[in-house]
C-alpha atoms as a PDB file:
ATOM      1  CA  MET A   1     -12.663  -8.064 -32.067  1.00  0.00           C
ATOM      2  CA  LYS A   2     -10.300 -10.530 -30.410  1.00  0.00           C
ATOM      3  CA  LYS A   3      -7.351  -8.219 -31.140  1.00  0.00           C
ATOM      4  CA  LEU A   4      -9.248  -5.281 -29.626  1.00  0.00           C
ATOM      5  CA  ILE A   5      -9.901  -7.249 -26.417  1.00  0.00           C
ATOM      6  CA  ILE A   6      -6.250  -8.309 -26.193  1.00  0.00           C
ATOM      7  CA  PHE A   7      -5.119  -4.700 -26.790  1.00  0.00           C
ATOM      8  CA  THR A   8      -7.462  -3.446 -24.046  1.00  0.00           C
ATOM      9  CA  ILE A   9      -6.181  -6.044 -21.572  1.00  0.00           C
ATOM     10  CA  ILE A  10      -2.570  -5.166 -22.393  1.00  0.00           C
ATOM     11  CA  SER A  11      -3.326  -1.438 -22.024  1.00  0.00           C
ATOM     12  CA  PHE A  12      -4.872  -1.935 -18.576  1.00  0.00           C
ATOM     13  CA  SER A  13      -1.945  -4.149 -17.586  1.00  0.00           C
ATOM     14  CA  LEU A  14       0.628  -1.574 -18.684  1.00  0.00           C
ATOM     15  CA  ASN A  15      -1.322   1.183 -16.967  1.00  0.00           C
ATOM     16  CA  GLY A  16      -1.328  -0.827 -13.742  1.00  0.00           C
ATOM     17  CA  GLN A  17       2.414  -1.361 -14.024  1.00  0.00           C
ATOM     18  CA  ASP A  18       2.954   2.379 -14.574  1.00  0.00           C
ATOM     19  CA  LEU A  19       0.908   3.206 -11.479  1.00  0.00           C
ATOM     20  CA  ASP A  20       2.808   0.670  -9.383  1.00  0.00           C
ATOM     21  CA  SER A  21       6.059   2.188 -10.624  1.00  0.00           C
ATOM     22  CA  LEU A  22       4.899   5.696  -9.733  1.00  0.00           C
ATOM     23  CA  PHE A  23       3.806   4.552  -6.268  1.00  0.00           C
ATOM     24  CA  ASN A  24       7.171   2.888  -5.699  1.00  0.00           C
ATOM     25  CA  HIS A  25       9.083   5.970  -6.852  1.00  0.00           C
ATOM     26  CA  ALA A  26       6.921   8.229  -4.684  1.00  0.00           C
ATOM     27  CA  GLY A  27       7.393   6.018  -1.628  1.00  0.00           C
ATOM     28  CA  LYS A  28      11.146   5.900  -2.147  1.00  0.00           C
ATOM     29  CA  GLU A  29      11.438   9.678  -2.506  1.00  0.00           C
ATOM     30  CA  TYR A  30       9.272  10.208   0.578  1.00  0.00           C
ATOM     31  CA  GLU A  31      11.479   7.890   2.654  1.00  0.00           C
ATOM     32  CA  GLU A  32      14.512   9.871   1.476  1.00  0.00           C
ATOM     33  CA  GLN A  33      12.703  13.066   2.552  1.00  0.00           C
ATOM     34  CA  ASN A  34      12.439  14.354  -1.003  1.00  0.00           C
ATOM     35  CA  TYR A  35       8.866  15.415  -0.319  1.00  0.00           C
ATOM     36  CA  LYS A  36       8.476  17.739  -3.296  1.00  0.00           C
ATOM     37  CA  LEU A  37       9.513  15.038  -5.748  1.00  0.00           C
ATOM     38  CA  ALA A  38       7.349  12.449  -3.981  1.00  0.00           C
ATOM     39  CA  LEU A  39       4.411  14.842  -4.280  1.00  0.00           C
ATOM     40  CA  GLU A  40       4.986  15.174  -8.022  1.00  0.00           C
ATOM     41  CA  TYR A  41       4.779  11.399  -8.427  1.00  0.00           C
ATOM     42  CA  TYR A  42       1.575  11.206  -6.365  1.00  0.00           C
ATOM     43  CA  GLN A  43       0.056  14.070  -8.343  1.00  0.00           C
ATOM     44  CA  GLU A  44       0.868  12.251 -11.572  1.00  0.00           C
ATOM     45  CA  ILE A  45      -1.108   9.279 -10.257  1.00  0.00           C
ATOM     46  CA  GLU A  46      -3.978  11.572  -9.276  1.00  0.00           C
ATOM     47  CA  MET A  47      -4.036  13.060 -12.783  1.00  0.00           C
ATOM     48  CA  GLN A  48      -4.813   9.586 -14.119  1.00  0.00           C
ATOM     49  CA  GLU A  49      -8.190   9.740 -12.367  1.00  0.00           C
ATOM     50  CA  MET A  50      -7.029   7.523  -9.527  1.00  0.00           C
ATOM     51  CA  HIS A  51      -9.038   8.228  -6.382  1.00  0.00           C
ATOM     52  CA  SER A  52      -8.173   6.331  -3.231  1.00  0.00           C
ATOM     53  CA  SER A  53      -7.994   7.059   0.456  1.00  0.00           C
ATOM     54  CA  ASP A  54      -4.343   5.969   0.633  1.00  0.00           C
ATOM     55  CA  LEU A  55      -3.333   8.174  -2.301  1.00  0.00           C
ATOM     56  CA  TYR A  56      -4.935  11.265  -0.785  1.00  0.00           C
ATOM     57  CA  PHE A  57      -3.434  10.408   2.610  1.00  0.00           C
ATOM     58  CA  ASN A  58       0.053  10.240   1.082  1.00  0.00           C
ATOM     59  CA  ILE A  59      -0.472  13.531  -0.764  1.00  0.00           C
ATOM     60  CA  GLY A  60      -1.615  15.097   2.509  1.00  0.00           C
ATOM     61  CA  ASN A  61       1.565  13.857   4.200  1.00  0.00           C
ATOM     62  CA  CYS A  62       3.706  15.446   1.488  1.00  0.00           C
ATOM     63  CA  TYR A  63       1.942  18.795   1.825  1.00  0.00           C
ATOM     64  CA  TYR A  64       2.296  18.606   5.611  1.00  0.00           C
ATOM     65  CA  LYS A  65       6.033  17.960   5.344  1.00  0.00           C
ATOM     66  CA  LEU A  66       6.268  20.913   2.928  1.00  0.00           C
ATOM     67  CA  SER A  67       4.446  23.109   5.504  1.00  0.00           C
ATOM     68  CA  GLN A  68       1.498  23.690   3.161  1.00  0.00           C
ATOM     69  CA  ASN A  69      -1.055  23.148   5.889  1.00  0.00           C
ATOM     70  CA  ALA A  70      -4.197  24.170   3.992  1.00  0.00           C
ATOM     71  CA  LEU A  71      -3.564  21.637   1.234  1.00  0.00           C
ATOM     72  CA  ALA A  72      -2.590  19.026   3.833  1.00  0.00           C
ATOM     73  CA  VAL A  73      -5.984  19.531   5.514  1.00  0.00           C
ATOM     74  CA  LEU A  74      -7.714  19.318   2.123  1.00  0.00           C
ATOM     75  CA  TYR A  75      -6.180  15.952   1.237  1.00  0.00           C
ATOM     76  CA  TYR A  76      -6.614  14.422   4.687  1.00  0.00           C
ATOM     77  CA  GLU A  77     -10.282  15.392   4.438  1.00  0.00           C
ATOM     78  CA  LYS A  78     -10.490  13.877   0.943  1.00  0.00           C
ATOM     79  CA  SER A  79      -8.919  10.687   2.298  1.00  0.00           C
ATOM     80  CA  LEU A  80     -11.460  10.480   5.125  1.00  0.00           C
ATOM     81  CA  LYS A  81     -14.324  11.198   2.740  1.00  0.00           C
ATOM     82  CA  ILE A  82     -13.508   7.920   0.981  1.00  0.00           C
ATOM     83  CA  ASN A  83     -12.541   5.991   4.110  1.00  0.00           C
ATOM     84  CA  PRO A  84     -13.910   7.573   7.317  1.00  0.00           C
ATOM     85  CA  THR A  85     -12.275   4.833   9.429  1.00  0.00           C
ATOM     86  CA  LEU A  86      -8.669   5.634   8.473  1.00  0.00           C
ATOM     87  CA  ASP A  87      -7.191   6.400  11.898  1.00  0.00           C
ATOM     88  CA  GLU A  88      -3.862   7.636  10.514  1.00  0.00           C
ATOM     89  CA  ALA A  89      -5.633  10.318   8.487  1.00  0.00           C
ATOM     90  CA  LYS A  90      -7.729  11.319  11.513  1.00  0.00           C
ATOM     91  CA  PHE A  91      -4.620  11.680  13.678  1.00  0.00           C
ATOM     92  CA  ASN A  92      -2.634  13.625  11.086  1.00  0.00           C
ATOM     93  CA  LEU A  93      -5.606  15.881  10.405  1.00  0.00           C
ATOM     94  CA  SER A  94      -5.929  16.730  14.093  1.00  0.00           C
ATOM     95  CA  LEU A  95      -2.181  17.373  14.185  1.00  0.00           C
ATOM     96  CA  VAL A  96      -2.182  19.828  11.284  1.00  0.00           C
ATOM     97  CA  LYS A  97      -5.376  21.516  12.524  1.00  0.00           C
ATOM     98  CA  SER A  98      -3.608  22.321  15.799  1.00  0.00           C
ATOM     99  CA  LYS A  99      -1.245  24.511  13.765  1.00  0.00           C
ATOM    100  CA  LEU A 100      -3.975  26.523  12.037  1.00  0.00           C
ATOM    101  CA  VAL A 101      -4.776  30.089  13.047  1.00  0.00           C
ATOM    102  CA  ASP A 102      -8.558  29.715  13.248  1.00  0.00           C
ATOM    103  CA  LYS A 103      -9.926  27.503  16.019  1.00  0.00           C
ATOM    104  CA  ILE A 104     -13.654  27.480  15.297  1.00  0.00           C
ATOM    105  CA  PRO A 105     -15.849  25.607  17.804  1.00  0.00           C
ATOM    106  CA  GLN A 106     -18.453  23.071  16.730  1.00  0.00           C
ATOM    107  CA  VAL A 107     -22.062  23.855  17.565  1.00  0.00           C
ATOM    108  CA  PRO A 108     -23.295  20.831  19.564  1.00  0.00           C
ATOM    109  CA  LEU A 109     -26.121  18.809  18.034  1.00  0.00           C
ATOM    110  CA  ILE A 110     -29.062  17.190  19.811  1.00  0.00           C
ATOM    111  CA  PHE A 111     -27.858  13.806  21.072  1.00  0.00           C
ATOM    112  CA  TYR A 112     -29.902  11.712  18.626  1.00  0.00           C
ATOM    113  CA  LYS A 113     -28.797  13.846  15.662  1.00  0.00           C
ATOM    114  CA  GLU A 114     -25.178  13.500  16.763  1.00  0.00           C
ATOM    115  CA  TRP A 115     -25.584   9.714  17.100  1.00  0.00           C
ATOM    116  CA  THR A 116     -27.212   9.497  13.655  1.00  0.00           C
ATOM    117  CA  ARG A 117     -24.453  11.598  12.089  1.00  0.00           C
ATOM    118  CA  LYS A 118     -21.694   9.476  13.621  1.00  0.00           C
ATOM    119  CA  PHE A 119     -23.408   6.240  12.622  1.00  0.00           C
ATOM    120  CA  THR A 120     -24.064   7.232   9.008  1.00  0.00           C
ATOM    121  CA  ASN A 121     -20.603   8.792   8.630  1.00  0.00           C
ATOM    122  CA  SER A 122     -18.856   5.734  10.038  1.00  0.00           C
ATOM    123  CA  LEU A 123     -18.768   4.427   6.452  1.00  0.00           C
ATOM    124  CA  SER A 124     -18.938   6.074   3.050  1.00  0.00           C
ATOM    125  CA  VAL A 125     -22.112   6.033   0.946  1.00  0.00           C
ATOM    126  CA  ASP A 126     -20.510   3.490  -1.396  1.00  0.00           C
ATOM    127  CA  ASP A 127     -19.617   1.209   1.507  1.00  0.00           C
ATOM    128  CA  TRP A 128     -23.179   1.282   2.871  1.00  0.00           C
ATOM    129  CA  ALA A 129     -24.513   0.473  -0.610  1.00  0.00           C
ATOM    130  CA  LYS A 130     -22.044  -2.412  -0.982  1.00  0.00           C
ATOM    131  CA  ILE A 131     -23.095  -3.849   2.377  1.00  0.00           C
ATOM    132  CA  ALA A 132     -26.740  -3.632   1.299  1.00  0.00           C
ATOM    133  CA  LEU A 133     -26.026  -5.506  -1.946  1.00  0.00           C
ATOM    134  CA  VAL A 134     -24.044  -8.206  -0.126  1.00  0.00           C
ATOM    135  CA  PHE A 135     -26.824  -8.906   2.364  1.00  0.00           C
ATOM    136  CA  ILE A 136     -29.509  -8.866  -0.330  1.00  0.00           C
ATOM    137  CA  PHE A 137     -27.442 -11.451  -2.230  1.00  0.00           C
ATOM    138  CA  ILE A 138     -27.128 -13.514   0.966  1.00  0.00           C
ATOM    139  CA  PHE A 139     -30.905 -13.270   1.349  1.00  0.00           C
ATOM    140  CA  CYS A 140     -31.340 -14.712  -2.153  1.00  0.00           C
ATOM    141  CA  VAL A 141     -29.043 -17.623  -1.266  1.00  0.00           C
ATOM    142  CA  PHE A 142     -30.872 -18.414   1.986  1.00  0.00           C
ATOM    143  CA  ILE A 143     -34.298 -18.125   0.425  1.00  0.00           C
ATOM    144  CA  SER A 144     -33.199 -20.523  -2.325  1.00  0.00           C
ATOM    145  CA  PHE A 145     -32.179 -23.074   0.301  1.00  0.00           C
ATOM    146  CA  PHE A 146     -35.528 -22.517   2.007  1.00  0.00           C
ATOM    147  CA  LEU A 147     -37.509 -23.149  -1.183  1.00  0.00           C
ATOM    148  CA  PHE A 148     -35.676 -26.277  -2.232  1.00  0.00           C
ATOM    149  CA  SER A 149     -35.227 -27.907   1.178  1.00  0.00           C
ATOM    150  CA  SER A 150     -37.552 -30.667   2.403  1.00  0.00           C
ATOM    151  CA  SER A 151     -36.472 -30.494   6.064  1.00  0.00           C
ATOM    152  CA  PHE A 152     -38.827 -28.494   8.283  1.00  0.00           C
ATOM    153  CA  ILE A 153     -36.067 -27.564  10.773  1.00  0.00           C
ATOM    154  CA  PHE A 154     -33.697 -26.526   7.975  1.00  0.00           C
ATOM    155  CA  LYS A 155     -36.484 -24.463   6.373  1.00  0.00           C
ATOM    156  CA  LYS A 156     -37.091 -22.727   9.688  1.00  0.00           C
ATOM    157  CA  ILE A 157     -33.403 -21.868  10.057  1.00  0.00           C
ATOM    158  CA  MET A 158     -33.170 -20.623   6.467  1.00  0.00           C
ATOM    159  CA  LEU A 159     -36.295 -18.511   6.913  1.00  0.00           C
ATOM    160  CA  PHE A 160     -34.796 -16.839   9.982  1.00  0.00           C
ATOM    161  CA  LEU A 161     -31.442 -16.246   8.291  1.00  0.00           C
ATOM    162  CA  SER A 162     -33.022 -14.942   5.079  1.00  0.00           C
ATOM    163  CA  SER A 163     -35.319 -12.530   6.933  1.00  0.00           C
ATOM    164  CA  SER A 164     -32.395 -11.320   9.061  1.00  0.00           C
ATOM    165  CA  SER A 165     -30.133 -10.741   6.061  1.00  0.00           C
ATOM    166  CA  LEU A 166     -32.938  -8.969   4.182  1.00  0.00           C
ATOM    167  CA  SER A 167     -33.538  -6.680   7.170  1.00  0.00           C
ATOM    168  CA  ILE A 168     -29.845  -5.801   7.415  1.00  0.00           C
ATOM    169  CA  GLY A 169     -29.703  -5.271   3.651  1.00  0.00           C
ATOM    170  CA  PHE A 170     -32.647  -2.881   3.641  1.00  0.00           C
ATOM    171  CA  LEU A 171     -31.335  -1.065   6.724  1.00  0.00           C
ATOM    172  CA  SER A 172     -27.967  -0.544   4.996  1.00  0.00           C
ATOM    173  CA  LEU A 173     -29.769   0.629   1.860  1.00  0.00           C
ATOM    174  CA  ILE A 174     -31.777   3.141   3.892  1.00  0.00           C
ATOM    175  CA  VAL A 175     -28.601   4.431   5.555  1.00  0.00           C
ATOM    176  CA  ALA A 176     -26.901   4.738   2.146  1.00  0.00           C
ATOM    177  CA  PHE A 177     -29.863   6.690   0.757  1.00  0.00           C
ATOM    178  CA  TYR A 178     -29.997   8.896   3.859  1.00  0.00           C
ATOM    179  CA  SER A 179     -26.261   9.615   3.626  1.00  0.00           C
ATOM    180  CA  TYR A 180     -26.519  10.399  -0.078  1.00  0.00           C
ATOM    181  CA  SER A 181     -29.556  12.672   0.311  1.00  0.00           C
ATOM    182  CA  ASN A 182     -27.838  14.559   3.148  1.00  0.00           C
ATOM    183  CA  MET A 183     -24.464  14.923   1.468  1.00  0.00           C
ATOM    184  CA  GLU A 184     -22.986  18.368   1.940  1.00  0.00           C
ATOM    185  CA  THR A 185     -20.477  20.314  -0.110  1.00  0.00           C
ATOM    186  CA  ASN A 186     -17.529  21.064   2.140  1.00  0.00           C
ATOM    187  CA  ALA A 187     -14.450  23.004   1.149  1.00  0.00           C
ATOM    188  CA  ILE A 188     -11.125  24.166   2.547  1.00  0.00           C
ATOM    189  CA  LEU A 189      -9.937  27.770   2.438  1.00  0.00           C
ATOM    190  CA  ILE A 190      -6.586  27.664   0.641  1.00  0.00           C
ATOM    191  CA  SER A 191      -5.753  31.376   0.487  1.00  0.00           C
ATOM    192  CA  GLU A 192      -3.596  32.750   3.292  1.00  0.00           C
ATOM    193  CA  ASN A 193      -6.508  34.840   4.556  1.00  0.00           C
ATOM    194  CA  SER A 194      -9.851  36.025   3.226  1.00  0.00           C
ATOM    195  CA  TYR A 195     -12.395  38.593   4.338  1.00  0.00           C
ATOM    196  CA  ILE A 196     -15.852  37.099   4.621  1.00  0.00           C
ATOM    197  CA  LYS A 197     -18.438  39.459   3.167  1.00  0.00           C
ATOM    198  CA  SER A 198     -22.067  40.138   4.010  1.00  0.00           C
ATOM    199  CA  ALA A 199     -23.014  39.818   0.318  1.00  0.00           C
ATOM    200  CA  PRO A 200     -21.421  38.505  -2.917  1.00  0.00           C
ATOM    201  CA  SER A 201     -19.664  41.789  -3.696  1.00  0.00           C
ATOM    202  CA  PHE A 202     -16.319  43.405  -2.916  1.00  0.00           C
ATOM    203  CA  LYS A 203     -18.211  46.536  -1.866  1.00  0.00           C
ATOM    204  CA  SER A 204     -20.214  44.700   0.803  1.00  0.00           C
ATOM    205  CA  GLU A 205     -19.384  44.817   4.499  1.00  0.00           C
ATOM    206  CA  ASP A 206     -16.539  42.751   5.938  1.00  0.00           C
ATOM    207  CA  LEU A 207     -17.996  40.421   8.552  1.00  0.00           C
ATOM    208  CA  PHE A 208     -14.859  38.630   9.718  1.00  0.00           C
ATOM    209  CA  ILE A 209     -11.599  37.190   8.430  1.00  0.00           C
ATOM    210  CA  LEU A 210     -10.653  33.548   7.929  1.00  0.00           C
ATOM    211  CA  HIS A 211      -7.226  32.028   7.488  1.00  0.00           C
ATOM    212  CA  GLU A 212      -5.953  29.122   5.422  1.00  0.00           C
ATOM    213  CA  GLY A 213      -6.992  25.585   6.290  1.00  0.00           C
ATOM    214  CA  THR A 214     -10.440  26.449   7.639  1.00  0.00           C
ATOM    215  CA  LYS A 215     -13.158  23.984   6.700  1.00  0.00           C
ATOM    216  CA  VAL A 216     -16.455  25.496   5.550  1.00  0.00           C
ATOM    217  CA  LEU A 217     -19.830  24.286   4.355  1.00  0.00           C
ATOM    218  CA  VAL A 218     -20.759  25.669   0.919  1.00  0.00           C
ATOM    219  CA  LEU A 219     -24.427  26.675   0.881  1.00  0.00           C
ATOM    220  CA  GLU A 220     -24.722  28.220  -2.577  1.00  0.00           C
ATOM    221  CA  GLU A 221     -22.819  29.789  -5.464  1.00  0.00           C
ATOM    222  CA  PHE A 222     -23.404  33.133  -7.178  1.00  0.00           C
ATOM    223  CA  LYS A 223     -21.263  34.736  -9.886  1.00  0.00           C
ATOM    224  CA  GLY A 224     -17.874  33.615  -8.613  1.00  0.00           C
ATOM    225  CA  TRP A 225     -18.837  33.821  -4.942  1.00  0.00           C
ATOM    226  CA  ASN A 226     -19.738  31.087  -2.458  1.00  0.00           C
ATOM    227  CA  LYS A 227     -22.048  31.468   0.496  1.00  0.00           C
ATOM    228  CA  ILE A 228     -20.437  29.560   3.350  1.00  0.00           C
ATOM    229  CA  LYS A 229     -21.318  28.424   6.835  1.00  0.00           C
ATOM    230  CA  LEU A 230     -18.825  27.710   9.602  1.00  0.00           C
ATOM    231  CA  SER A 231     -19.062  25.010  12.247  1.00  0.00           C
ATOM    232  CA  ASP A 232     -20.069  27.652  14.812  1.00  0.00           C
ATOM    233  CA  GLY A 233     -23.028  28.737  12.662  1.00  0.00           C
ATOM    234  CA  MET A 234     -21.584  31.960  11.222  1.00  0.00           C
ATOM    235  CA  ILE A 235     -22.507  32.663   7.585  1.00  0.00           C
ATOM    236  CA  GLY A 236     -20.977  34.892   4.908  1.00  0.00           C
ATOM    237  CA  TRP A 237     -19.758  35.154   1.331  1.00  0.00           C
ATOM    238  CA  VAL A 238     -16.256  34.488   0.005  1.00  0.00           C
ATOM    239  CA  GLU A 239     -14.669  34.367  -3.436  1.00  0.00           C
ATOM    240  CA  LYS A 240     -15.019  30.906  -4.953  1.00  0.00           C
ATOM    241  CA  GLU A 241     -11.381  30.804  -6.078  1.00  0.00           C
ATOM    242  CA  THR A 242     -10.191  30.913  -2.460  1.00  0.00           C
ATOM    243  CA  LEU A 243     -11.825  27.526  -1.767  1.00  0.00           C
ATOM    244  CA  ARG A 244     -11.041  23.972  -2.794  1.00  0.00           C
ATOM    245  CA  GLU A 245     -13.879  21.474  -2.609  1.00  0.00           C
ATOM    246  CA  ILE A 246     -13.212  18.309  -0.620  1.00  0.00           C
END
């Protein structure tokens, strides 16, 4: 058993060293403007089930430098899905979007819905859950001090702090649950252009055409087709293989 534990620790250590080496190689190649080779290193890291905002941001940069705008949009969006506060990804995403063919307007939301969306999306679901756990732990600490203290003033302070931390913890938990329950499946169109159909069939009517890099909301799936909705409210069907989920 002891040998198994040691072997596991060594394996994780070696794996970490390999990842560091790949990151270093990728960074070096990127600085030397060997973007294709840098991308290969980053993709090798991604294949090892490594998911991080920085990794996706770097992959997005490589695709942008290689003029593969649709995939650049995809990975900037994936980066922001993990870390919505990453300003560099926001800026680069806006930059690459300015080069896309389709400029689809956003249907404005009612002010309180827009405020709620911005507030809940300011952090990821995992981050909201972590904040909730931290403040619930802090509540446990404060309530312990309250129970074992003999000072009335100290008890009063601890009671206030514990109730405040519990309130923040539950609020964060509610936001995390709300964000999770309202999670949407978004995707990026990666084909050069696609005709959006009125039904999941090649024989159905062409409604409009979309070009690469367009972000869509996936509503449902049916036999290799996805029903999508655009930010302006338009709805149609497109082949599933033309989309990459964020």
